[in-house]
Amino acid sequence: MINLYTDRETGKLKGEATVSFDDPPSAKAAIDWFDGETQNPAFYPQNPAL
């Protein structure tokens, strides 16, 4: 699931999102895939909440 956050007043996207995975291995694979990403500086993997 991907949650995109919007400004309450304008309804415009804030540029923030949360991604949820159904299972821990999928979450780990996504974090490993993007770890060290340099092409998109807006993407920063966070610590997973398992």
N, C-alpha and C. Protein backbone atom coordinates (compact mmCIF):
# COMPACT_ATOMS: atom_id res chain seq x y z
N MET A 1 0.84 -1.16 0.00
CA MET A 1 0.00 0.00 0.00
C MET A 1 0.90 1.24 0.00
N ILE A 2 0.52 2.23 -0.77
CA ILE A 2 1.25 3.49 -0.82
C ILE A 2 0.31 4.60 -0.36
N ASN A 3 0.72 5.34 0.65
CA ASN A 3 -0.05 6.49 1.13
C ASN A 3 0.66 7.76 0.68
N LEU A 4 -0.02 8.60 -0.09
CA LEU A 4 0.51 9.89 -0.52
C LEU A 4 -0.14 10.97 0.34
N TYR A 5 0.68 11.85 0.90
CA TYR A 5 0.17 12.87 1.81
C TYR A 5 -0.11 14.16 1.06
N THR A 6 -1.26 14.77 1.40
CA THR A 6 -1.66 16.01 0.76
C THR A 6 -1.84 17.11 1.80
N ASP A 7 -1.73 18.34 1.33
CA ASP A 7 -1.97 19.51 2.17
C ASP A 7 -3.47 19.59 2.45
N ARG A 8 -3.84 19.78 3.69
CA ARG A 8 -5.27 19.81 4.06
C ARG A 8 -6.01 20.98 3.43
N GLU A 9 -5.33 22.11 3.27
CA GLU A 9 -6.00 23.30 2.75
C GLU A 9 -6.10 23.30 1.23
N THR A 10 -5.00 22.91 0.56
CA THR A 10 -4.98 23.00 -0.90
C THR A 10 -5.29 21.68 -1.59
N GLY A 11 -5.10 20.57 -0.89
CA GLY A 11 -5.30 19.26 -1.50
C GLY A 11 -4.14 18.83 -2.39
N LYS A 12 -3.10 19.65 -2.47
CA LYS A 12 -1.94 19.31 -3.31
C LYS A 12 -1.02 18.35 -2.57
N LEU A 13 -0.32 17.53 -3.36
CA LEU A 13 0.62 16.58 -2.77
C LEU A 13 1.74 17.31 -2.05
N LYS A 14 2.16 16.75 -0.90
CA LYS A 14 3.22 17.35 -0.11
C LYS A 14 4.60 16.82 -0.49
N GLY A 15 4.64 15.77 -1.30
CA GLY A 15 5.92 15.18 -1.66
C GLY A 15 6.39 14.14 -0.66
N GLU A 16 5.49 13.65 0.16
CA GLU A 16 5.81 12.64 1.15
C GLU A 16 4.90 11.43 0.95
N ALA A 17 5.43 10.26 1.28
CA ALA A 17 4.64 9.04 1.13
C ALA A 17 5.12 8.00 2.13
N THR A 18 4.24 7.05 2.40
CA THR A 18 4.57 5.88 3.21
C THR A 18 4.22 4.65 2.39
N VAL A 19 5.15 3.69 2.37
CA VAL A 19 4.92 2.44 1.64
C VAL A 19 4.84 1.32 2.66
N SER A 20 3.80 0.51 2.55
CA SER A 20 3.62 -0.64 3.44
C SER A 20 3.66 -1.92 2.61
N PHE A 21 4.25 -2.96 3.19
CA PHE A 21 4.37 -4.24 2.52
C PHE A 21 3.61 -5.30 3.30
N ASP A 22 3.15 -6.32 2.59
CA ASP A 22 2.39 -7.40 3.21
C ASP A 22 3.25 -8.35 4.02
N ASP A 23 4.52 -8.45 3.67
CA ASP A 23 5.38 -9.39 4.39
C ASP A 23 6.78 -8.82 4.55
N PRO A 24 7.45 -9.15 5.66
CA PRO A 24 8.78 -8.61 5.94
C PRO A 24 9.82 -8.87 4.84
N PRO A 25 9.85 -10.05 4.18
CA PRO A 25 10.86 -10.24 3.13
C PRO A 25 10.71 -9.24 1.98
N SER A 26 9.48 -8.89 1.64
CA SER A 26 9.28 -7.90 0.57
C SER A 26 9.78 -6.53 0.99
N ALA A 27 9.52 -6.16 2.23
CA ALA A 27 10.00 -4.88 2.74
C ALA A 27 11.52 -4.83 2.72
N LYS A 28 12.15 -5.91 3.18
CA LYS A 28 13.62 -5.95 3.20
C LYS A 28 14.19 -5.89 1.79
N ALA A 29 13.57 -6.58 0.85
CA ALA A 29 14.04 -6.55 -0.54
C ALA A 29 13.97 -5.14 -1.11
N ALA A 30 12.91 -4.42 -0.82
CA ALA A 30 12.78 -3.04 -1.32
C ALA A 30 13.83 -2.14 -0.69
N ILE A 31 14.06 -2.27 0.61
CA ILE A 31 15.07 -1.45 1.28
C ILE A 31 16.45 -1.77 0.72
N ASP A 32 16.76 -3.05 0.54
CA ASP A 32 18.05 -3.45 -0.02
C ASP A 32 18.22 -2.93 -1.44
N TRP A 33 17.15 -2.97 -2.22
CA TRP A 33 17.20 -2.53 -3.62
C TRP A 33 17.56 -1.04 -3.71
N PHE A 34 16.95 -0.22 -2.85
CA PHE A 34 17.14 1.23 -2.92
C PHE A 34 18.23 1.75 -2.01
N ASP A 35 18.82 0.90 -1.17
CA ASP A 35 19.86 1.34 -0.26
C ASP A 35 21.05 1.88 -1.05
N GLY A 36 21.48 3.07 -0.73
CA GLY A 36 22.60 3.67 -1.44
C GLY A 36 22.18 4.35 -2.73
N GLU A 37 20.88 4.50 -2.96
CA GLU A 37 20.36 5.14 -4.17
C GLU A 37 20.92 6.56 -4.29
N THR A 38 21.49 6.86 -5.44
CA THR A 38 22.05 8.20 -5.66
C THR A 38 21.33 8.95 -6.77
N GLN A 39 20.54 8.26 -7.58
CA GLN A 39 19.84 8.92 -8.69
C GLN A 39 18.63 9.71 -8.21
N ASN A 40 18.06 9.33 -7.09
CA ASN A 40 16.88 10.01 -6.57
C ASN A 40 17.13 10.40 -5.12
N PRO A 41 17.67 11.60 -4.90
CA PRO A 41 18.03 12.00 -3.53
C PRO A 41 16.82 12.18 -2.62
N ALA A 42 15.60 12.18 -3.18
CA ALA A 42 14.40 12.33 -2.35
C ALA A 42 14.02 11.02 -1.68
N PHE A 43 14.62 9.90 -2.11
CA PHE A 43 14.28 8.60 -1.53
C PHE A 43 15.28 8.25 -0.44
N TYR A 44 14.79 8.11 0.76
CA TYR A 44 15.64 7.72 1.87
C TYR A 44 14.97 6.56 2.61
N PRO A 45 15.49 5.35 2.46
CA PRO A 45 14.90 4.22 3.19
C PRO A 45 14.98 4.49 4.69
N GLN A 46 13.91 4.20 5.37
CA GLN A 46 13.85 4.37 6.81
C GLN A 46 13.88 3.00 7.47
N ASN A 47 14.01 3.01 8.77
CA ASN A 47 13.97 1.75 9.51
C ASN A 47 12.58 1.15 9.40
N PRO A 48 12.50 -0.12 9.07
CA PRO A 48 11.18 -0.74 8.95
C PRO A 48 10.53 -0.94 10.32
N ALA A 49 9.24 -0.80 10.35
CA ALA A 49 8.46 -1.11 11.55
C ALA A 49 7.83 -2.47 11.32
N LEU A 50 8.44 -3.49 11.88
CA LEU A 50 7.95 -4.86 11.66
C LEU A 50 7.12 -5.33 12.82
